[in-house]
Amino acid sequence: MKKIILSLALLLVGTGMYAQSLSGKVNEGTIIYSVEWKLPEQMQAMAASMPTELTVYFKGDSSSLKSESAMYSSTNILNTSKDYERLLLDIPMMGKKLSVVFTPADQEMMAENMPNLTVKEGTETKTIIGFKALKHEVNESKSNENSEAWFTKDIEIAPNSLSRFFKSSYGIPLEFVSYMNGISVKATVKEIKAGTVPAGSFSASKDFEEITFEQLMQMQGGR
């Protein structure tokens, strides 16, 4: 069970203004995704406990994606402009609150498990939460899975742990599939709100134990 929890957490290594009134660069706010998980056979028992919504807080180039379930919560903090990434894990069944800052070497090692996407722009459009979105066909070569993604260029927001694998030139993905470590998740933006995010959204509080990626992998039983 501990190994499964850590694997899921690493997959995701957010009243104000309604989406229809937003355009251009949005510097600070919240994104709410509805999500559908595709889990490998050994994780199917956990399907019912997986979250159906994910929240992302963003400010400038930083984003913080929080995933909560009955067994654990995780927060993935990302700043792609600074190559900075931190994972926070709160696992009550283990009595652990852990924080991992990924070094450049850690990120290079994790890159081996990241998806390899080929994206082809289409012509079909549709409206998602008030934004015009353009359909793209996507192939993930490692799993040879095909999916579709819908991007808008009406708004600009910092990438987060779900959307990070797509080039910014496509725009902001509003409906897409994200892949990692044999798990995939279909995400659809339900809401984008501009406004102040909670204090401490992009850091670890003092009750988190700082560990290395090596230690995290040892807990998972790998490396």
C-alpha atoms as a PDB file:
ATOM      1  CA  MET A   1       0.000   0.000   0.000  1.00  0.00           C
ATOM      2  CA  LYS A   2       2.825   2.396   0.880  1.00  0.00           C
ATOM      3  CA  LYS A   3       4.451   1.818  -2.512  1.00  0.00           C
ATOM      4  CA  ILE A   4       1.164   2.514  -4.323  1.00  0.00           C
ATOM      5  CA  ILE A   5       0.617   5.757  -2.404  1.00  0.00           C
ATOM      6  CA  LEU A   6       4.114   6.983  -3.242  1.00  0.00           C
ATOM      7  CA  SER A   7       3.667   6.017  -6.905  1.00  0.00           C
ATOM      8  CA  LEU A   8       0.453   8.003  -7.142  1.00  0.00           C
ATOM      9  CA  ALA A   9       2.023  10.995  -5.438  1.00  0.00           C
ATOM     10  CA  LEU A  10       4.866  11.038  -7.937  1.00  0.00           C
ATOM     11  CA  LEU A  11       2.383  11.092 -10.801  1.00  0.00           C
ATOM     12  CA  LEU A  12       1.505  14.645  -9.952  1.00  0.00           C
ATOM     13  CA  VAL A  13       5.542  15.381  -9.483  1.00  0.00           C
ATOM     14  CA  GLY A  14      -5.775  25.289  -7.844  1.00  0.00           C
ATOM     15  CA  THR A  15     -15.378  33.683  -5.717  1.00  0.00           C
ATOM     16  CA  GLY A  16     -13.501  35.694  -8.026  1.00  0.00           C
ATOM     17  CA  MET A  17     -13.826  36.342 -11.705  1.00  0.00           C
ATOM     18  CA  TYR A  18     -15.466  33.784 -13.950  1.00  0.00           C
ATOM     19  CA  ALA A  19     -13.487  32.290 -16.808  1.00  0.00           C
ATOM     20  CA  GLN A  20     -15.532  34.186 -19.391  1.00  0.00           C
ATOM     21  CA  SER A  21     -14.205  37.507 -18.040  1.00  0.00           C
ATOM     22  CA  LEU A  22     -10.540  36.472 -18.084  1.00  0.00           C
ATOM     23  CA  SER A  23      -8.122  36.963 -20.969  1.00  0.00           C
ATOM     24  CA  GLY A  24      -4.428  37.449 -21.599  1.00  0.00           C
ATOM     25  CA  LYS A  25      -1.878  36.865 -18.854  1.00  0.00           C
ATOM     26  CA  VAL A  26      -3.408  35.920 -15.491  1.00  0.00           C
ATOM     27  CA  ASN A  27      -0.728  36.313 -12.837  1.00  0.00           C
ATOM     28  CA  GLU A  28      -2.418  34.793  -9.784  1.00  0.00           C
ATOM     29  CA  GLY A  29      -5.393  32.567  -9.146  1.00  0.00           C
ATOM     30  CA  THR A  30      -6.870  29.084  -8.987  1.00  0.00           C
ATOM     31  CA  ILE A  31      -7.662  26.309 -11.470  1.00  0.00           C
ATOM     32  CA  ILE A  32     -10.109  23.509 -10.693  1.00  0.00           C
ATOM     33  CA  TYR A  33      -9.785  20.330 -12.783  1.00  0.00           C
ATOM     34  CA  SER A  34     -12.216  17.437 -12.949  1.00  0.00           C
ATOM     35  CA  VAL A  35     -10.195  14.244 -13.427  1.00  0.00           C
ATOM     36  CA  GLU A  36     -10.703  10.649 -14.552  1.00  0.00           C
ATOM     37  CA  TRP A  37      -7.974   8.144 -13.671  1.00  0.00           C
ATOM     38  CA  LYS A  38      -6.734   5.205 -15.714  1.00  0.00           C
ATOM     39  CA  LEU A  39      -4.895   2.954 -13.273  1.00  0.00           C
ATOM     40  CA  PRO A  40      -2.873  -0.214 -13.903  1.00  0.00           C
ATOM     41  CA  GLU A  41      -4.351  -3.489 -12.677  1.00  0.00           C
ATOM     42  CA  GLN A  42      -2.357  -3.548  -9.430  1.00  0.00           C
ATOM     43  CA  MET A  43      -3.869  -0.184  -8.419  1.00  0.00           C
ATOM     44  CA  GLN A  44      -7.507  -0.871  -9.342  1.00  0.00           C
ATOM     45  CA  ALA A  45      -8.469  -1.424  -5.695  1.00  0.00           C
ATOM     46  CA  MET A  46      -7.700   2.251  -5.073  1.00  0.00           C
ATOM     47  CA  ALA A  47      -9.868   3.587  -7.910  1.00  0.00           C
ATOM     48  CA  ALA A  48     -12.831   4.471  -5.684  1.00  0.00           C
ATOM     49  CA  SER A  49     -10.637   6.499  -3.321  1.00  0.00           C
ATOM     50  CA  MET A  50      -8.985   8.612  -6.009  1.00  0.00           C
ATOM     51  CA  PRO A  51      -9.927  12.302  -6.120  1.00  0.00           C
ATOM     52  CA  THR A  52     -12.327  13.451  -8.824  1.00  0.00           C
ATOM     53  CA  GLU A  53     -11.117  17.049  -8.629  1.00  0.00           C
ATOM     54  CA  LEU A  54      -7.663  18.622  -8.394  1.00  0.00           C
ATOM     55  CA  THR A  55      -6.884  22.181  -7.349  1.00  0.00           C
ATOM     56  CA  VAL A  56      -3.995  24.257  -8.669  1.00  0.00           C
ATOM     57  CA  TYR A  57      -2.850  27.572  -7.216  1.00  0.00           C
ATOM     58  CA  PHE A  58      -0.640  29.710  -9.442  1.00  0.00           C
ATOM     59  CA  LYS A  59       1.261  32.969  -9.073  1.00  0.00           C
ATOM     60  CA  GLY A  60       3.741  34.285 -11.609  1.00  0.00           C
ATOM     61  CA  ASP A  61       5.812  31.302 -12.781  1.00  0.00           C
ATOM     62  CA  SER A  62       4.947  29.157  -9.746  1.00  0.00           C
ATOM     63  CA  SER A  63       2.175  26.585  -9.431  1.00  0.00           C
ATOM     64  CA  SER A  64       1.016  24.284  -6.658  1.00  0.00           C
ATOM     65  CA  LEU A  65      -1.164  21.253  -7.422  1.00  0.00           C
ATOM     66  CA  LYS A  66      -2.868  19.524  -4.495  1.00  0.00           C
ATOM     67  CA  SER A  67      -4.325  16.022  -4.634  1.00  0.00           C
ATOM     68  CA  GLU A  68      -6.317  14.668  -1.675  1.00  0.00           C
ATOM     69  CA  SER A  69      -7.682  11.197  -0.965  1.00  0.00           C
ATOM     70  CA  ALA A  70      -8.748   9.208   2.074  1.00  0.00           C
ATOM     71  CA  MET A  71      -5.234   7.766   2.480  1.00  0.00           C
ATOM     72  CA  TYR A  72      -2.913  10.659   1.680  1.00  0.00           C
ATOM     73  CA  SER A  73      -2.557  14.148   0.285  1.00  0.00           C
ATOM     74  CA  SER A  74       0.202  15.421  -1.958  1.00  0.00           C
ATOM     75  CA  THR A  75       1.203  18.849  -3.204  1.00  0.00           C
ATOM     76  CA  ASN A  76       3.423  19.334  -6.258  1.00  0.00           C
ATOM     77  CA  ILE A  77       5.094  22.733  -6.339  1.00  0.00           C
ATOM     78  CA  LEU A  78       6.645  23.715  -9.664  1.00  0.00           C
ATOM     79  CA  ASN A  79       8.480  26.661 -11.178  1.00  0.00           C
ATOM     80  CA  THR A  80       9.649  25.710 -14.674  1.00  0.00           C
ATOM     81  CA  SER A  81      11.508  28.994 -15.222  1.00  0.00           C
ATOM     82  CA  LYS A  82      13.794  28.130 -12.288  1.00  0.00           C
ATOM     83  CA  ASP A  83      13.788  24.315 -12.779  1.00  0.00           C
ATOM     84  CA  TYR A  84      12.426  24.095  -9.231  1.00  0.00           C
ATOM     85  CA  GLU A  85      10.204  21.273  -8.055  1.00  0.00           C
ATOM     86  CA  ARG A  86       9.091  20.171  -4.593  1.00  0.00           C
ATOM     87  CA  LEU A  87       6.780  17.343  -3.496  1.00  0.00           C
ATOM     88  CA  LEU A  88       4.901  17.490  -0.178  1.00  0.00           C
ATOM     89  CA  LEU A  89       3.404  14.240   1.148  1.00  0.00           C
ATOM     90  CA  ASP A  90       1.050  13.907   4.119  1.00  0.00           C
ATOM     91  CA  ILE A  91       0.437  10.206   4.887  1.00  0.00           C
ATOM     92  CA  PRO A  92      -1.559   9.785   8.127  1.00  0.00           C
ATOM     93  CA  MET A  93      -1.385   5.965   8.069  1.00  0.00           C
ATOM     94  CA  MET A  94       2.421   6.273   8.263  1.00  0.00           C
ATOM     95  CA  GLY A  95       2.404   9.255  10.613  1.00  0.00           C
ATOM     96  CA  LYS A  96       4.574  11.068   8.063  1.00  0.00           C
ATOM     97  CA  LYS A  97       4.651  14.540   6.544  1.00  0.00           C
ATOM     98  CA  LEU A  98       7.498  14.603   4.018  1.00  0.00           C
ATOM     99  CA  SER A  99       9.038  17.239   1.765  1.00  0.00           C
ATOM    100  CA  VAL A 100      11.332  16.500  -1.176  1.00  0.00           C
ATOM    101  CA  VAL A 101      13.114  19.154  -3.254  1.00  0.00           C
ATOM    102  CA  PHE A 102      14.248  17.571  -6.518  1.00  0.00           C
ATOM    103  CA  THR A 103      17.832  18.319  -7.531  1.00  0.00           C
ATOM    104  CA  PRO A 104      18.856  18.627 -11.202  1.00  0.00           C
ATOM    105  CA  ALA A 105      20.167  15.047 -11.009  1.00  0.00           C
ATOM    106  CA  ASP A 106      16.836  13.870  -9.562  1.00  0.00           C
ATOM    107  CA  GLN A 107      14.933  15.643 -12.322  1.00  0.00           C
ATOM    108  CA  GLU A 108      17.133  14.033 -14.959  1.00  0.00           C
ATOM    109  CA  MET A 109      16.449  10.596 -13.502  1.00  0.00           C
ATOM    110  CA  MET A 110      12.690  11.258 -13.339  1.00  0.00           C
ATOM    111  CA  ALA A 111      12.729  12.395 -16.964  1.00  0.00           C
ATOM    112  CA  GLU A 112      13.180   8.760 -17.987  1.00  0.00           C
ATOM    113  CA  ASN A 113       9.611   8.072 -16.794  1.00  0.00           C
ATOM    114  CA  MET A 114       8.052  11.191 -18.264  1.00  0.00           C
ATOM    115  CA  PRO A 115       5.856  10.947 -21.351  1.00  0.00           C
ATOM    116  CA  ASN A 116       7.114  11.419 -24.897  1.00  0.00           C
ATOM    117  CA  LEU A 117       4.343  13.293 -26.690  1.00  0.00           C
ATOM    118  CA  THR A 118       3.776  13.981 -30.372  1.00  0.00           C
ATOM    119  CA  VAL A 119       1.131  16.656 -30.857  1.00  0.00           C
ATOM    120  CA  LYS A 120      -0.620  17.401 -34.155  1.00  0.00           C
ATOM    121  CA  GLU A 121      -2.787  20.485 -34.514  1.00  0.00           C
ATOM    122  CA  GLY A 122      -6.290  19.956 -35.895  1.00  0.00           C
ATOM    123  CA  THR A 123      -9.009  22.281 -37.124  1.00  0.00           C
ATOM    124  CA  GLU A 124     -11.968  21.420 -34.888  1.00  0.00           C
ATOM    125  CA  THR A 125     -12.890  23.925 -32.187  1.00  0.00           C
ATOM    126  CA  LYS A 126     -15.235  24.000 -29.212  1.00  0.00           C
ATOM    127  CA  THR A 127     -15.909  26.224 -26.229  1.00  0.00           C
ATOM    128  CA  ILE A 128     -14.690  25.148 -22.799  1.00  0.00           C
ATOM    129  CA  ILE A 129     -15.657  27.347 -19.804  1.00  0.00           C
ATOM    130  CA  GLY A 130     -16.054  30.295 -22.141  1.00  0.00           C
ATOM    131  CA  PHE A 131     -12.774  29.913 -24.016  1.00  0.00           C
ATOM    132  CA  LYS A 132     -12.389  28.930 -27.669  1.00  0.00           C
ATOM    133  CA  ALA A 133     -10.308  25.736 -27.748  1.00  0.00           C
ATOM    134  CA  LEU A 134      -8.582  24.075 -30.711  1.00  0.00           C
ATOM    135  CA  LYS A 135      -8.363  20.278 -30.921  1.00  0.00           C
ATOM    136  CA  HIS A 136      -4.970  18.550 -31.166  1.00  0.00           C
ATOM    137  CA  GLU A 137      -4.250  14.848 -31.684  1.00  0.00           C
ATOM    138  CA  VAL A 138      -1.719  13.453 -29.192  1.00  0.00           C
ATOM    139  CA  ASN A 139       0.353  10.257 -29.243  1.00  0.00           C
ATOM    140  CA  GLU A 140       2.349   9.099 -26.212  1.00  0.00           C
ATOM    141  CA  SER A 141       5.065   6.923 -27.753  1.00  0.00           C
ATOM    142  CA  LYS A 142       6.125   4.940 -24.652  1.00  0.00           C
ATOM    143  CA  SER A 143       2.650   3.482 -24.148  1.00  0.00           C
ATOM    144  CA  ASN A 144       1.559   4.035 -27.776  1.00  0.00           C
ATOM    145  CA  GLU A 145      -1.640   5.612 -26.462  1.00  0.00           C
ATOM    146  CA  ASN A 146      -3.584   8.167 -28.471  1.00  0.00           C
ATOM    147  CA  SER A 147      -5.653  10.948 -27.001  1.00  0.00           C
ATOM    148  CA  GLU A 148      -6.883  14.419 -27.819  1.00  0.00           C
ATOM    149  CA  ALA A 149      -6.109  17.740 -26.194  1.00  0.00           C
ATOM    150  CA  TRP A 150      -7.911  21.054 -26.473  1.00  0.00           C
ATOM    151  CA  PHE A 151      -5.849  24.238 -26.180  1.00  0.00           C
ATOM    152  CA  THR A 152      -6.771  27.901 -25.919  1.00  0.00           C
ATOM    153  CA  LYS A 153      -4.592  30.934 -26.562  1.00  0.00           C
ATOM    154  CA  ASP A 154      -7.126  33.319 -25.033  1.00  0.00           C
ATOM    155  CA  ILE A 155      -5.447  33.089 -21.639  1.00  0.00           C
ATOM    156  CA  GLU A 156      -1.892  32.613 -20.333  1.00  0.00           C
ATOM    157  CA  ILE A 157      -1.122  30.832 -17.049  1.00  0.00           C
ATOM    158  CA  ALA A 158       2.018  29.220 -15.597  1.00  0.00           C
ATOM    159  CA  PRO A 159       2.320  25.462 -16.300  1.00  0.00           C
ATOM    160  CA  ASN A 160       1.618  23.020 -13.477  1.00  0.00           C
ATOM    161  CA  SER A 161       2.375  19.361 -12.794  1.00  0.00           C
ATOM    162  CA  LEU A 162      -0.482  18.196 -15.019  1.00  0.00           C
ATOM    163  CA  SER A 163       0.017  20.563 -17.962  1.00  0.00           C
ATOM    164  CA  ARG A 164       3.825  20.807 -17.932  1.00  0.00           C
ATOM    165  CA  PHE A 165       4.408  18.235 -20.687  1.00  0.00           C
ATOM    166  CA  PHE A 166       2.852  20.385 -23.417  1.00  0.00           C
ATOM    167  CA  LYS A 167       4.784  23.154 -25.187  1.00  0.00           C
ATOM    168  CA  SER A 168       3.562  26.652 -24.359  1.00  0.00           C
ATOM    169  CA  SER A 169       3.285  27.396 -28.091  1.00  0.00           C
ATOM    170  CA  TYR A 170       0.120  25.252 -28.201  1.00  0.00           C
ATOM    171  CA  GLY A 171      -1.568  27.489 -25.635  1.00  0.00           C
ATOM    172  CA  ILE A 172      -3.151  26.438 -22.343  1.00  0.00           C
ATOM    173  CA  PRO A 173      -4.599  22.898 -22.289  1.00  0.00           C
ATOM    174  CA  LEU A 174      -8.210  22.917 -21.072  1.00  0.00           C
ATOM    175  CA  GLU A 175      -8.957  19.235 -21.723  1.00  0.00           C
ATOM    176  CA  PHE A 176      -6.140  16.692 -22.034  1.00  0.00           C
ATOM    177  CA  VAL A 177      -4.545  13.467 -20.816  1.00  0.00           C
ATOM    178  CA  SER A 178      -1.413  13.483 -18.652  1.00  0.00           C
ATOM    179  CA  TYR A 179       0.848  10.412 -18.344  1.00  0.00           C
ATOM    180  CA  MET A 180       3.404   9.225 -15.799  1.00  0.00           C
ATOM    181  CA  ASN A 181       4.745   5.881 -14.556  1.00  0.00           C
ATOM    182  CA  GLY A 182       2.082   3.778 -16.279  1.00  0.00           C
ATOM    183  CA  ILE A 183      -0.766   5.916 -14.953  1.00  0.00           C
ATOM    184  CA  SER A 184      -2.806   8.360 -16.979  1.00  0.00           C
ATOM    185  CA  VAL A 185      -5.344  10.961 -15.945  1.00  0.00           C
ATOM    186  CA  LYS A 186      -7.815  12.829 -18.123  1.00  0.00           C
ATOM    187  CA  ALA A 187      -8.153  16.396 -16.885  1.00  0.00           C
ATOM    188  CA  THR A 188     -10.779  18.972 -17.834  1.00  0.00           C
ATOM    189  CA  VAL A 189     -10.718  22.525 -16.537  1.00  0.00           C
ATOM    190  CA  LYS A 190     -13.935  23.274 -14.631  1.00  0.00           C
ATOM    191  CA  GLU A 191     -13.063  26.752 -13.471  1.00  0.00           C
ATOM    192  CA  ILE A 192     -10.330  29.382 -13.574  1.00  0.00           C
ATOM    193  CA  LYS A 193     -10.481  32.139 -10.981  1.00  0.00           C
ATOM    194  CA  ALA A 194      -8.255  35.175 -10.645  1.00  0.00           C
ATOM    195  CA  GLY A 195      -7.444  36.210  -7.091  1.00  0.00           C
ATOM    196  CA  THR A 196      -5.047  35.891  -4.176  1.00  0.00           C
ATOM    197  CA  VAL A 197      -3.879  32.357  -3.386  1.00  0.00           C
ATOM    198  CA  PRO A 198      -3.464  31.066   0.198  1.00  0.00           C
ATOM    199  CA  ALA A 199      -0.269  32.043   1.994  1.00  0.00           C
ATOM    200  CA  GLY A 200       2.388  29.311   1.924  1.00  0.00           C
ATOM    201  CA  SER A 201       1.060  27.711  -1.268  1.00  0.00           C
ATOM    202  CA  PHE A 202       4.569  27.381  -2.714  1.00  0.00           C
ATOM    203  CA  SER A 203       6.569  26.273   0.339  1.00  0.00           C
ATOM    204  CA  ALA A 204       6.639  23.622   3.077  1.00  0.00           C
ATOM    205  CA  SER A 205       5.523  24.364   6.625  1.00  0.00           C
ATOM    206  CA  LYS A 206       7.840  23.509   9.522  1.00  0.00           C
ATOM    207  CA  ASP A 207       6.009  20.274  10.376  1.00  0.00           C
ATOM    208  CA  PHE A 208       7.245  18.624   7.155  1.00  0.00           C
ATOM    209  CA  GLU A 209      10.384  16.477   7.348  1.00  0.00           C
ATOM    210  CA  GLU A 210      12.887  17.261   4.604  1.00  0.00           C
ATOM    211  CA  ILE A 211      14.142  14.127   2.868  1.00  0.00           C
ATOM    212  CA  THR A 212      16.014  13.429  -0.362  1.00  0.00           C
ATOM    213  CA  PHE A 213      14.653  11.786  -3.498  1.00  0.00           C
ATOM    214  CA  GLU A 214      16.966   8.845  -2.728  1.00  0.00           C
ATOM    215  CA  GLN A 215      15.282   8.397   0.663  1.00  0.00           C
ATOM    216  CA  LEU A 216      11.837   8.611  -0.903  1.00  0.00           C
ATOM    217  CA  MET A 217      12.734   5.889  -3.394  1.00  0.00           C
ATOM    218  CA  GLN A 218      14.053   3.701  -0.577  1.00  0.00           C
ATOM    219  CA  MET A 219      10.709   4.063   1.204  1.00  0.00           C
ATOM    220  CA  GLN A 220       8.986   3.010  -2.012  1.00  0.00           C
ATOM    221  CA  GLY A 221      11.249  -0.021  -2.257  1.00  0.00           C
ATOM    222  CA  GLY A 222      12.954   1.105  -5.470  1.00  0.00           C
ATOM    223  CA  ARG A 223      16.378   2.234  -6.732  1.00  0.00           C
END
